């Protein structure tokens, strides 16, 4: 399920809003890695789909 930016912001706990710069940097790294993971998952799905399609043709 994809969330909108507004839904994400509304779900942020006050502790995150009052976090230190160091805490936010750590949170940012987690978000960046989550984005990489999601992109990797999408790429893997595309590769599997393309492989399946090419295998069926041969």
Protein backbone atom coordinates (compact mmCIF):
# COMPACT_ATOMS: atom_id res chain seq x y z
CA UNK A 1 0.00 0.00 0.00
CA UNK A 2 1.45 3.36 -1.00
CA UNK A 3 1.01 6.19 1.47
CA UNK A 4 0.66 9.83 0.54
CA UNK A 5 3.12 12.33 1.95
CA UNK A 6 0.33 13.82 4.05
CA UNK A 7 -0.47 10.42 5.57
CA UNK A 8 3.18 9.91 6.44
CA UNK A 9 3.47 13.34 8.07
CA UNK A 10 0.26 12.86 10.02
CA UNK A 11 1.65 9.58 11.33
CA UNK A 12 4.89 11.08 12.66
CA UNK A 13 5.13 10.89 16.43
CA UNK A 14 5.91 14.07 18.34
CA UNK A 15 9.15 12.46 19.51
CA UNK A 16 10.36 12.52 15.92
CA UNK A 17 9.32 16.13 15.47
CA UNK A 18 11.32 17.04 18.60
CA UNK A 19 14.30 14.86 17.68
CA UNK A 20 17.89 16.07 17.66
CA UNK A 21 19.80 16.64 14.43
CA UNK A 22 21.71 13.41 15.08
CA UNK A 23 18.47 11.47 15.51
CA UNK A 24 17.10 12.95 12.29
CA UNK A 25 20.27 12.06 10.41
CA UNK A 26 19.86 8.46 11.52
CA UNK A 27 16.21 8.48 10.52
CA UNK A 28 17.14 9.96 7.15
CA UNK A 29 19.61 7.12 6.53
CA UNK A 30 16.91 4.59 7.35
CA UNK A 31 14.53 6.27 4.90
CA UNK A 32 17.19 6.38 2.19
CA UNK A 33 17.93 2.67 2.60
CA UNK A 34 14.21 1.87 2.58
CA UNK A 35 13.89 3.75 -0.72
CA UNK A 36 16.83 1.80 -2.17
CA UNK A 37 15.24 -1.44 -1.01
CA UNK A 38 11.91 -0.54 -2.60
CA UNK A 39 13.58 0.41 -5.89
CA UNK A 40 15.56 -2.83 -5.81
CA UNK A 41 12.38 -4.81 -5.24
CA UNK A 42 10.69 -3.09 -8.19
CA UNK A 43 13.73 -3.76 -10.40
CA UNK A 44 13.75 -7.41 -9.33
CA UNK A 45 10.05 -7.74 -10.20
CA UNK A 46 10.71 -6.26 -13.65
CA UNK A 47 13.66 -8.61 -14.21
CA UNK A 48 11.58 -11.64 -13.20
CA UNK A 49 8.72 -10.55 -15.46
CA UNK A 50 11.10 -10.01 -18.40
CA UNK A 51 12.80 -13.35 -17.77
CA UNK A 52 9.48 -15.15 -17.57
CA UNK A 53 8.31 -13.52 -20.78
CA UNK A 54 11.52 -14.37 -22.66
CA UNK A 55 11.49 -17.96 -21.35
CA UNK A 56 7.95 -18.52 -22.55
CA UNK A 57 8.86 -17.30 -26.04
CA UNK A 58 11.73 -19.79 -26.51
